[in-house]
């Protein structure tokens, strides 16, 4: 098992995320995500927006040069991350990087791949059902987010400069 896989397992255990599958067998290839069936986007819905997860916080997604890009900051302000991916219908396939506030060196950053499926959840609220994996790992973990209606995405609100700062009232317009 490589150090990154151990770090992801530890961070998910401490962060309250359901444990991922076995980390044995890591090395040299990307995770095999379950077959994701591409479908049409739900009527009247678009990808750009802000999505919430109790561990990973607010994920801001915007369209940029034909791709979707996003940033998030964990709710405990320990990490911030960014992703870049391509959309096909209701499926986003992405690469991500997550940075640890206050850390330097190789252990400060982790990266990997992931996939989100856009769907309508309870009470017709948009949701992202996804999975992600560390680079060079075949183990995956879930990443489920709920779209925050009325909250506008702002990538510049999430940086490596400071671990403080929640969505501002100006973003709720």
Protein backbone atom coordinates (compact mmCIF):
# COMPACT_ATOMS: atom_id res chain seq x y z
CA UNK A 1 0.00 0.00 0.00
CA UNK A 2 1.39 3.40 -0.90
CA UNK A 3 1.44 6.40 1.44
CA UNK A 4 -1.29 8.26 -0.43
CA UNK A 5 -3.72 5.38 -0.10
CA UNK A 6 -2.99 5.18 3.63
CA UNK A 7 -3.48 8.96 3.94
CA UNK A 8 -6.84 8.82 2.14
CA UNK A 9 -8.03 5.96 4.34
CA UNK A 10 -6.97 7.83 7.45
CA UNK A 11 -8.49 11.14 6.36
CA UNK A 12 -11.79 9.48 5.50
CA UNK A 13 -11.86 7.63 8.81
CA UNK A 14 -11.22 10.84 10.72
CA UNK A 15 -13.61 12.84 8.53
CA UNK A 16 -16.55 10.50 9.06
CA UNK A 17 -16.74 9.34 5.46
CA UNK A 18 -17.79 5.71 4.97
CA UNK A 19 -14.68 3.57 4.72
CA UNK A 20 -13.53 2.69 1.24
CA UNK A 21 -12.92 -0.84 0.10
CA UNK A 22 -9.65 -2.60 0.69
CA UNK A 23 -6.58 -0.54 -0.01
CA UNK A 24 -4.50 -3.61 -0.79
CA UNK A 25 -3.59 -3.95 -4.41
CA UNK A 26 -2.86 -0.26 -4.95
CA UNK A 27 -0.52 0.60 -7.71
CA UNK A 28 -0.09 1.62 -11.29
CA UNK A 29 -3.66 2.07 -12.47
CA UNK A 30 -6.77 4.14 -11.96
CA UNK A 31 -9.83 3.00 -10.08
CA UNK A 32 -12.48 1.15 -12.02
CA UNK A 33 -15.65 3.03 -11.22
CA UNK A 34 -18.89 1.11 -11.55
CA UNK A 35 -20.37 1.32 -14.97
CA UNK A 36 -22.11 4.65 -15.09
CA UNK A 37 -24.93 4.84 -17.57
CA UNK A 38 -24.96 8.17 -19.36
CA UNK A 39 -28.41 9.68 -19.68
CA UNK A 40 -29.99 13.01 -20.39
CA UNK A 41 -29.85 15.82 -17.89
CA UNK A 42 -33.12 16.20 -15.98
CA UNK A 43 -35.41 18.74 -17.66
CA UNK A 44 -34.52 22.34 -16.86
CA UNK A 45 -31.32 21.44 -14.97
CA UNK A 46 -27.72 22.54 -15.53
CA UNK A 47 -24.41 21.47 -13.97
CA UNK A 48 -23.10 24.86 -12.76
CA UNK A 49 -24.00 25.55 -9.14
CA UNK A 50 -23.01 24.93 -5.55
CA UNK A 51 -23.39 21.47 -4.00
CA UNK A 52 -23.08 20.49 -0.35
CA UNK A 53 -21.60 17.46 1.40
CA UNK A 54 -21.27 17.31 5.23
CA UNK A 55 -17.54 16.42 5.05
CA UNK A 56 -16.35 18.07 1.83
CA UNK A 57 -18.36 21.26 2.29
CA UNK A 58 -19.52 23.42 -0.59
CA UNK A 59 -18.44 22.28 -4.06
CA UNK A 60 -18.61 25.18 -6.52
CA UNK A 61 -18.95 24.04 -10.18
CA UNK A 62 -18.73 26.33 -13.22
CA UNK A 63 -18.32 25.85 -16.94
CA UNK A 64 -14.93 26.86 -18.30
CA UNK A 65 -13.58 26.35 -21.83
CA UNK A 66 -15.90 23.42 -22.57
CA UNK A 67 -15.20 21.65 -19.27
CA UNK A 68 -16.57 21.85 -15.75
CA UNK A 69 -14.20 23.08 -13.08
CA UNK A 70 -14.82 23.17 -9.39
CA UNK A 71 -13.42 23.95 -5.98
CA UNK A 72 -14.38 22.89 -2.47
CA UNK A 73 -13.24 23.45 1.09
CA UNK A 74 -13.88 20.81 3.73
CA UNK A 75 -16.27 21.77 6.50
CA UNK A 76 -13.49 21.43 9.09
CA UNK A 77 -11.30 23.81 7.01
CA UNK A 78 -8.46 21.27 6.92
CA UNK A 79 -8.26 20.90 3.12
CA UNK A 80 -9.34 22.58 -0.08
CA UNK A 81 -9.56 21.02 -3.49
CA UNK A 82 -10.12 21.55 -7.16
CA UNK A 83 -11.43 19.42 -10.00
CA UNK A 84 -11.62 19.58 -13.78
CA UNK A 85 -13.73 17.30 -15.91
CA UNK A 86 -15.79 16.63 -18.98
CA UNK A 87 -19.52 16.19 -19.18
CA UNK A 88 -21.50 13.70 -21.20
CA UNK A 89 -25.21 14.10 -20.55
CA UNK A 90 -25.79 13.63 -16.83
CA UNK A 91 -22.28 12.25 -16.14
CA UNK A 92 -19.18 14.24 -15.14
CA UNK A 93 -15.82 12.45 -15.23
CA UNK A 94 -13.10 14.42 -13.46
CA UNK A 95 -9.59 14.61 -12.08
CA UNK A 96 -9.13 16.21 -8.67
CA UNK A 97 -6.41 17.59 -6.39
CA UNK A 98 -6.82 18.23 -2.68
CA UNK A 99 -4.44 20.42 -0.69
CA UNK A 100 -3.85 20.41 3.07
CA UNK A 101 -3.85 23.85 4.68
CA UNK A 102 -0.54 24.59 6.37
CA UNK A 103 1.29 21.56 4.96
CA UNK A 104 4.21 21.49 2.55
CA UNK A 105 5.93 18.77 0.59
CA UNK A 106 4.64 15.68 -1.18
CA UNK A 107 2.24 14.70 1.61
CA UNK A 108 0.48 18.08 1.41
CA UNK A 109 -1.41 17.19 -1.78
CA UNK A 110 -3.38 14.16 -2.89
CA UNK A 111 -4.97 13.60 -6.29
CA UNK A 112 -7.12 11.20 -8.17
CA UNK A 113 -10.10 10.69 -10.43
CA UNK A 114 -13.85 10.60 -9.97
CA UNK A 115 -17.28 10.51 -11.52
CA UNK A 116 -20.55 12.23 -10.69
CA UNK A 117 -24.05 11.41 -11.95
CA UNK A 118 -26.56 14.26 -11.86
CA UNK A 119 -30.03 13.20 -10.75
CA UNK A 120 -33.15 14.51 -9.08
CA UNK A 121 -33.45 13.46 -5.46
CA UNK A 122 -36.24 13.65 -2.92
CA UNK A 123 -38.60 16.61 -3.33
CA UNK A 124 -37.09 17.20 -6.80
CA UNK A 125 -33.86 18.62 -5.40
CA UNK A 126 -30.85 18.06 -7.69
CA UNK A 127 -28.10 15.79 -6.36
CA UNK A 128 -24.72 14.49 -7.44
CA UNK A 129 -24.07 10.82 -6.78
CA UNK A 130 -20.40 10.16 -7.19
CA UNK A 131 -17.32 8.19 -6.43
CA UNK A 132 -13.68 9.13 -6.28
CA UNK A 133 -10.34 7.38 -5.93
CA UNK A 134 -6.75 8.22 -5.25
CA UNK A 135 -4.29 8.26 -8.10
CA UNK A 136 -2.88 4.76 -8.68
CA UNK A 137 -5.57 3.13 -6.55
CA UNK A 138 -8.32 0.70 -7.42
CA UNK A 139 -10.33 1.54 -4.28
CA UNK A 140 -13.16 4.04 -4.37
CA UNK A 141 -15.22 6.08 -1.91
CA UNK A 142 -18.60 7.78 -2.25
CA UNK A 143 -19.10 11.52 -2.68
CA UNK A 144 -22.76 12.56 -2.53
CA UNK A 145 -23.79 16.24 -2.79
CA UNK A 146 -27.04 18.16 -2.75
CA UNK A 147 -27.42 21.25 -4.96
CA UNK A 148 -27.95 24.45 -3.01
CA UNK A 149 -30.78 26.28 -4.73
CA UNK A 150 -30.11 30.02 -4.95
CA UNK A 151 -26.40 29.84 -4.07
CA UNK A 152 -24.19 31.09 -6.90
CA UNK A 153 -20.84 29.40 -7.54
CA UNK A 154 -17.72 31.49 -6.87
CA UNK A 155 -14.43 29.69 -7.47
CA UNK A 156 -12.45 32.66 -6.14
CA UNK A 157 -14.07 32.19 -2.71
CA UNK A 158 -11.96 29.05 -2.17
CA UNK A 159 -8.18 29.40 -2.19
CA UNK A 160 -5.15 28.10 -0.38
CA UNK A 161 -4.66 31.46 1.32
CA UNK A 162 -6.77 30.92 4.42
CA UNK A 163 -8.72 28.03 5.88
CA UNK A 164 -11.47 30.36 7.09
CA UNK A 165 -14.54 31.61 5.30
CA UNK A 166 -18.00 30.24 4.66
CA UNK A 167 -20.37 31.25 1.88
CA UNK A 168 -21.19 34.91 2.16
CA UNK A 169 -24.62 36.53 2.03
CA UNK A 170 -23.68 38.08 -1.32
CA UNK A 171 -23.54 34.59 -2.83
CA UNK A 172 -27.19 33.90 -1.92
CA UNK A 173 -28.54 36.45 -4.40
